[in-house]
């Protein structure tokens, strides 16, 4: 099942049509992370908090554009897809190989998205989320396009 969450309006940049990006050192990739939260989170509260966060950082609900060698994120206030998966009958230990930060394969806990370079001048989201509910835990899969900022920026937004 997939939900779509839009920024709460007005956004912090409501008077700006786009945010310019430097044309150098752009990595057109998604940075994938999975966070395991003890307990089952409330989906309605999560979506409300996400909507509020998107209003403060509307870049994440924007679209990547290139025009005449100039790069920008158009502030479209588009929806962010949140895929929902319930695995209540399966223990998390069958998906995560161990307790290490680096895992061999996190794809079951991440949303399927296009290649990062395939987002230019298209209607592809720059942020994809997947919530996987297990019996006593929730996994939050985050695919954050690097043009939104490095993973340190992503971590600050999640907090």
C-alpha atoms as a PDB file:
ATOM      1  CA  UNK A   1       0.000   0.000   0.000  1.00  0.00           C
ATOM      2  CA  UNK A   2       1.304   3.482  -0.793  1.00  0.00           C
ATOM      3  CA  UNK A   3       0.354   6.779   0.849  1.00  0.00           C
ATOM      4  CA  UNK A   4       1.268  10.219  -0.462  1.00  0.00           C
ATOM      5  CA  UNK A   5       2.121  13.033   1.960  1.00  0.00           C
ATOM      6  CA  UNK A   6       2.254  16.690   0.915  1.00  0.00           C
ATOM      7  CA  UNK A   7       3.830  19.616   2.767  1.00  0.00           C
ATOM      8  CA  UNK A   8       1.640  21.593   5.135  1.00  0.00           C
ATOM      9  CA  UNK A   9       1.020  24.982   3.491  1.00  0.00           C
ATOM     10  CA  UNK A  10       2.303  27.611   3.519  1.00  0.00           C
ATOM     11  CA  UNK A  11       5.856  26.319   3.399  1.00  0.00           C
ATOM     12  CA  UNK A  12       8.922  28.110   4.734  1.00  0.00           C
ATOM     13  CA  UNK A  13       9.838  29.049   1.150  1.00  0.00           C
ATOM     14  CA  UNK A  14       6.355  29.826  -0.159  1.00  0.00           C
ATOM     15  CA  UNK A  15       7.553  32.971  -1.996  1.00  0.00           C
ATOM     16  CA  UNK A  16      10.331  31.132  -3.839  1.00  0.00           C
ATOM     17  CA  UNK A  17       9.663  29.170  -7.053  1.00  0.00           C
ATOM     18  CA  UNK A  18      12.950  27.233  -6.856  1.00  0.00           C
ATOM     19  CA  UNK A  19      16.211  26.802  -4.996  1.00  0.00           C
ATOM     20  CA  UNK A  20      19.360  27.133  -7.104  1.00  0.00           C
ATOM     21  CA  UNK A  21      21.973  24.399  -6.834  1.00  0.00           C
ATOM     22  CA  UNK A  22      25.659  24.749  -7.618  1.00  0.00           C
ATOM     23  CA  UNK A  23      26.351  23.082 -10.955  1.00  0.00           C
ATOM     24  CA  UNK A  24      29.439  21.299  -9.702  1.00  0.00           C
ATOM     25  CA  UNK A  25      29.836  18.282  -7.475  1.00  0.00           C
ATOM     26  CA  UNK A  26      26.241  17.108  -7.904  1.00  0.00           C
ATOM     27  CA  UNK A  27      25.850  13.440  -7.114  1.00  0.00           C
ATOM     28  CA  UNK A  28      22.758  12.157  -8.880  1.00  0.00           C
ATOM     29  CA  UNK A  29      22.187   9.220  -6.543  1.00  0.00           C
ATOM     30  CA  UNK A  30      19.885   8.227  -3.720  1.00  0.00           C
ATOM     31  CA  UNK A  31      21.366   7.684  -0.273  1.00  0.00           C
ATOM     32  CA  UNK A  32      19.511   4.775   1.355  1.00  0.00           C
ATOM     33  CA  UNK A  33      19.173   4.320   5.119  1.00  0.00           C
ATOM     34  CA  UNK A  34      17.017   2.147   7.351  1.00  0.00           C
ATOM     35  CA  UNK A  35      16.207   3.022  10.942  1.00  0.00           C
ATOM     36  CA  UNK A  36      14.757   0.469  13.361  1.00  0.00           C
ATOM     37  CA  UNK A  37      12.402   1.967  15.942  1.00  0.00           C
ATOM     38  CA  UNK A  38      11.262  -0.060  18.965  1.00  0.00           C
ATOM     39  CA  UNK A  39       7.497  -0.448  19.005  1.00  0.00           C
ATOM     40  CA  UNK A  40       4.910   0.170  16.311  1.00  0.00           C
ATOM     41  CA  UNK A  41       4.604   3.832  15.385  1.00  0.00           C
ATOM     42  CA  UNK A  42       1.282   5.569  14.777  1.00  0.00           C
ATOM     43  CA  UNK A  43       0.922   6.011  11.001  1.00  0.00           C
ATOM     44  CA  UNK A  44      -1.364   9.048  11.271  1.00  0.00           C
ATOM     45  CA  UNK A  45       1.070  10.857  13.604  1.00  0.00           C
ATOM     46  CA  UNK A  46       4.006   9.921  11.351  1.00  0.00           C
ATOM     47  CA  UNK A  47       2.306  11.362   8.281  1.00  0.00           C
ATOM     48  CA  UNK A  48       1.351  14.536  10.161  1.00  0.00           C
ATOM     49  CA  UNK A  49       4.942  14.988  11.367  1.00  0.00           C
ATOM     50  CA  UNK A  50       6.243  14.357   7.846  1.00  0.00           C
ATOM     51  CA  UNK A  51       3.858  16.961   6.424  1.00  0.00           C
ATOM     52  CA  UNK A  52       5.097  19.488   8.981  1.00  0.00           C
ATOM     53  CA  UNK A  53       8.758  18.645   8.240  1.00  0.00           C
ATOM     54  CA  UNK A  54       8.118  19.083   4.505  1.00  0.00           C
ATOM     55  CA  UNK A  55       6.662  22.525   5.156  1.00  0.00           C
ATOM     56  CA  UNK A  56       9.936  23.499   6.865  1.00  0.00           C
ATOM     57  CA  UNK A  57      12.111  21.842   4.214  1.00  0.00           C
ATOM     58  CA  UNK A  58      10.037  21.972   0.993  1.00  0.00           C
ATOM     59  CA  UNK A  59      13.044  21.007  -1.151  1.00  0.00           C
ATOM     60  CA  UNK A  60      12.255  17.377  -0.299  1.00  0.00           C
ATOM     61  CA  UNK A  61       8.832  17.763  -1.964  1.00  0.00           C
ATOM     62  CA  UNK A  62      10.347  19.420  -5.028  1.00  0.00           C
ATOM     63  CA  UNK A  63      11.612  18.263  -8.414  1.00  0.00           C
ATOM     64  CA  UNK A  64      15.134  18.386  -9.834  1.00  0.00           C
ATOM     65  CA  UNK A  65      15.499  20.668 -12.887  1.00  0.00           C
ATOM     66  CA  UNK A  66      18.290  21.560 -15.296  1.00  0.00           C
ATOM     67  CA  UNK A  67      17.940  24.487 -17.675  1.00  0.00           C
ATOM     68  CA  UNK A  68      20.817  25.747 -19.793  1.00  0.00           C
ATOM     69  CA  UNK A  69      23.472  24.378 -17.468  1.00  0.00           C
ATOM     70  CA  UNK A  70      21.772  25.744 -14.335  1.00  0.00           C
ATOM     71  CA  UNK A  71      20.528  23.293 -11.726  1.00  0.00           C
ATOM     72  CA  UNK A  72      17.681  23.855  -9.294  1.00  0.00           C
ATOM     73  CA  UNK A  73      15.076  22.176  -7.176  1.00  0.00           C
ATOM     74  CA  UNK A  74      11.676  23.452  -8.251  1.00  0.00           C
ATOM     75  CA  UNK A  75       9.522  23.899  -5.153  1.00  0.00           C
ATOM     76  CA  UNK A  76       6.459  22.064  -6.452  1.00  0.00           C
ATOM     77  CA  UNK A  77       5.027  20.947  -3.079  1.00  0.00           C
ATOM     78  CA  UNK A  78       4.561  17.525  -4.640  1.00  0.00           C
ATOM     79  CA  UNK A  79       3.678  14.492  -2.600  1.00  0.00           C
ATOM     80  CA  UNK A  80       6.277  12.247  -1.022  1.00  0.00           C
ATOM     81  CA  UNK A  81       5.481   8.545  -1.412  1.00  0.00           C
ATOM     82  CA  UNK A  82       5.307   6.490   1.783  1.00  0.00           C
ATOM     83  CA  UNK A  83       5.089   2.784   1.116  1.00  0.00           C
ATOM     84  CA  UNK A  84       3.511   0.703   3.891  1.00  0.00           C
ATOM     85  CA  UNK A  85       4.361  -2.933   4.511  1.00  0.00           C
ATOM     86  CA  UNK A  86       3.168  -5.190   7.344  1.00  0.00           C
ATOM     87  CA  UNK A  87       5.324  -8.150   8.323  1.00  0.00           C
ATOM     88  CA  UNK A  88       3.775  -8.822  11.725  1.00  0.00           C
ATOM     89  CA  UNK A  89       4.100 -12.598  11.290  1.00  0.00           C
ATOM     90  CA  UNK A  90       7.809 -12.425  10.392  1.00  0.00           C
ATOM     91  CA  UNK A  91      10.510 -11.530  12.937  1.00  0.00           C
ATOM     92  CA  UNK A  92      12.843  -8.682  11.982  1.00  0.00           C
ATOM     93  CA  UNK A  93      15.796 -11.051  12.458  1.00  0.00           C
ATOM     94  CA  UNK A  94      14.809 -12.795   9.212  1.00  0.00           C
ATOM     95  CA  UNK A  95      15.317  -9.517   7.303  1.00  0.00           C
ATOM     96  CA  UNK A  96      18.314  -7.992   9.086  1.00  0.00           C
ATOM     97  CA  UNK A  97      21.333 -10.266   8.930  1.00  0.00           C
ATOM     98  CA  UNK A  98      22.911  -8.960  12.165  1.00  0.00           C
ATOM     99  CA  UNK A  99      23.108  -5.923  14.456  1.00  0.00           C
ATOM    100  CA  UNK A 100      25.776  -4.166  12.379  1.00  0.00           C
ATOM    101  CA  UNK A 101      25.223  -0.759  10.830  1.00  0.00           C
ATOM    102  CA  UNK A 102      26.297  -2.007   7.403  1.00  0.00           C
ATOM    103  CA  UNK A 103      23.954  -4.681   6.069  1.00  0.00           C
ATOM    104  CA  UNK A 104      24.397  -6.796   2.973  1.00  0.00           C
ATOM    105  CA  UNK A 105      20.894  -6.211   1.595  1.00  0.00           C
ATOM    106  CA  UNK A 106      18.342  -3.702   2.876  1.00  0.00           C
ATOM    107  CA  UNK A 107      16.189  -3.716  -0.269  1.00  0.00           C
ATOM    108  CA  UNK A 108      13.176  -5.392   1.426  1.00  0.00           C
ATOM    109  CA  UNK A 109      13.032  -2.380   3.784  1.00  0.00           C
ATOM    110  CA  UNK A 110      13.379   0.316   1.085  1.00  0.00           C
ATOM    111  CA  UNK A 111      10.899   1.691  -1.400  1.00  0.00           C
ATOM    112  CA  UNK A 112      11.553   0.911  -5.049  1.00  0.00           C
ATOM    113  CA  UNK A 113      12.667   4.077  -6.810  1.00  0.00           C
ATOM    114  CA  UNK A 114      14.286   5.058 -10.074  1.00  0.00           C
ATOM    115  CA  UNK A 115      17.978   5.605 -10.591  1.00  0.00           C
ATOM    116  CA  UNK A 116      19.077   8.926  -9.076  1.00  0.00           C
ATOM    117  CA  UNK A 117      20.119  10.305 -12.469  1.00  0.00           C
ATOM    118  CA  UNK A 118      16.668   9.537 -13.856  1.00  0.00           C
ATOM    119  CA  UNK A 119      15.100  12.324 -11.769  1.00  0.00           C
ATOM    120  CA  UNK A 120      16.326  15.281 -13.860  1.00  0.00           C
ATOM    121  CA  UNK A 121      13.444  17.233 -15.451  1.00  0.00           C
ATOM    122  CA  UNK A 122      10.942  14.531 -14.521  1.00  0.00           C
ATOM    123  CA  UNK A 123       8.198  14.224 -11.960  1.00  0.00           C
ATOM    124  CA  UNK A 124      10.232  11.837  -9.820  1.00  0.00           C
ATOM    125  CA  UNK A 125      10.281  12.368  -6.043  1.00  0.00           C
ATOM    126  CA  UNK A 126      13.570  13.276  -4.394  1.00  0.00           C
ATOM    127  CA  UNK A 127      12.498  11.537  -1.184  1.00  0.00           C
ATOM    128  CA  UNK A 128      11.025   8.044  -0.878  1.00  0.00           C
ATOM    129  CA  UNK A 129       9.974   6.427   2.401  1.00  0.00           C
ATOM    130  CA  UNK A 130       8.933   2.934   3.391  1.00  0.00           C
ATOM    131  CA  UNK A 131       7.485   1.910   6.735  1.00  0.00           C
ATOM    132  CA  UNK A 132       7.702  -1.791   7.514  1.00  0.00           C
ATOM    133  CA  UNK A 133       5.784  -2.865  10.594  1.00  0.00           C
ATOM    134  CA  UNK A 134       6.980  -5.930  12.465  1.00  0.00           C
ATOM    135  CA  UNK A 135       5.419  -7.339  15.638  1.00  0.00           C
ATOM    136  CA  UNK A 136       7.426  -5.145  18.012  1.00  0.00           C
ATOM    137  CA  UNK A 137       9.416  -2.817  15.754  1.00  0.00           C
ATOM    138  CA  UNK A 138       9.007  -0.390  12.888  1.00  0.00           C
ATOM    139  CA  UNK A 139      11.614   0.017  10.178  1.00  0.00           C
ATOM    140  CA  UNK A 140      11.746   3.378   8.430  1.00  0.00           C
ATOM    141  CA  UNK A 141      13.436   3.088   5.050  1.00  0.00           C
ATOM    142  CA  UNK A 142      14.635   6.440   3.701  1.00  0.00           C
ATOM    143  CA  UNK A 143      15.856   7.058   0.145  1.00  0.00           C
ATOM    144  CA  UNK A 144      17.126  10.646   0.056  1.00  0.00           C
ATOM    145  CA  UNK A 145      18.357  12.153  -3.230  1.00  0.00           C
ATOM    146  CA  UNK A 146      21.872  13.503  -2.703  1.00  0.00           C
ATOM    147  CA  UNK A 147      20.997  16.857  -4.347  1.00  0.00           C
ATOM    148  CA  UNK A 148      18.893  17.579  -1.240  1.00  0.00           C
ATOM    149  CA  UNK A 149      22.109  17.545   0.750  1.00  0.00           C
ATOM    150  CA  UNK A 150      24.520  14.961   2.128  1.00  0.00           C
ATOM    151  CA  UNK A 151      23.363  12.344   4.587  1.00  0.00           C
ATOM    152  CA  UNK A 152      24.145  14.662   7.522  1.00  0.00           C
ATOM    153  CA  UNK A 153      21.415  17.019   6.274  1.00  0.00           C
ATOM    154  CA  UNK A 154      19.066  14.065   5.912  1.00  0.00           C
ATOM    155  CA  UNK A 155      19.735  13.092   9.542  1.00  0.00           C
ATOM    156  CA  UNK A 156      18.984  16.602  10.780  1.00  0.00           C
ATOM    157  CA  UNK A 157      15.669  16.662   8.881  1.00  0.00           C
ATOM    158  CA  UNK A 158      14.637  13.280  10.275  1.00  0.00           C
ATOM    159  CA  UNK A 159      15.213  14.484  13.809  1.00  0.00           C
END
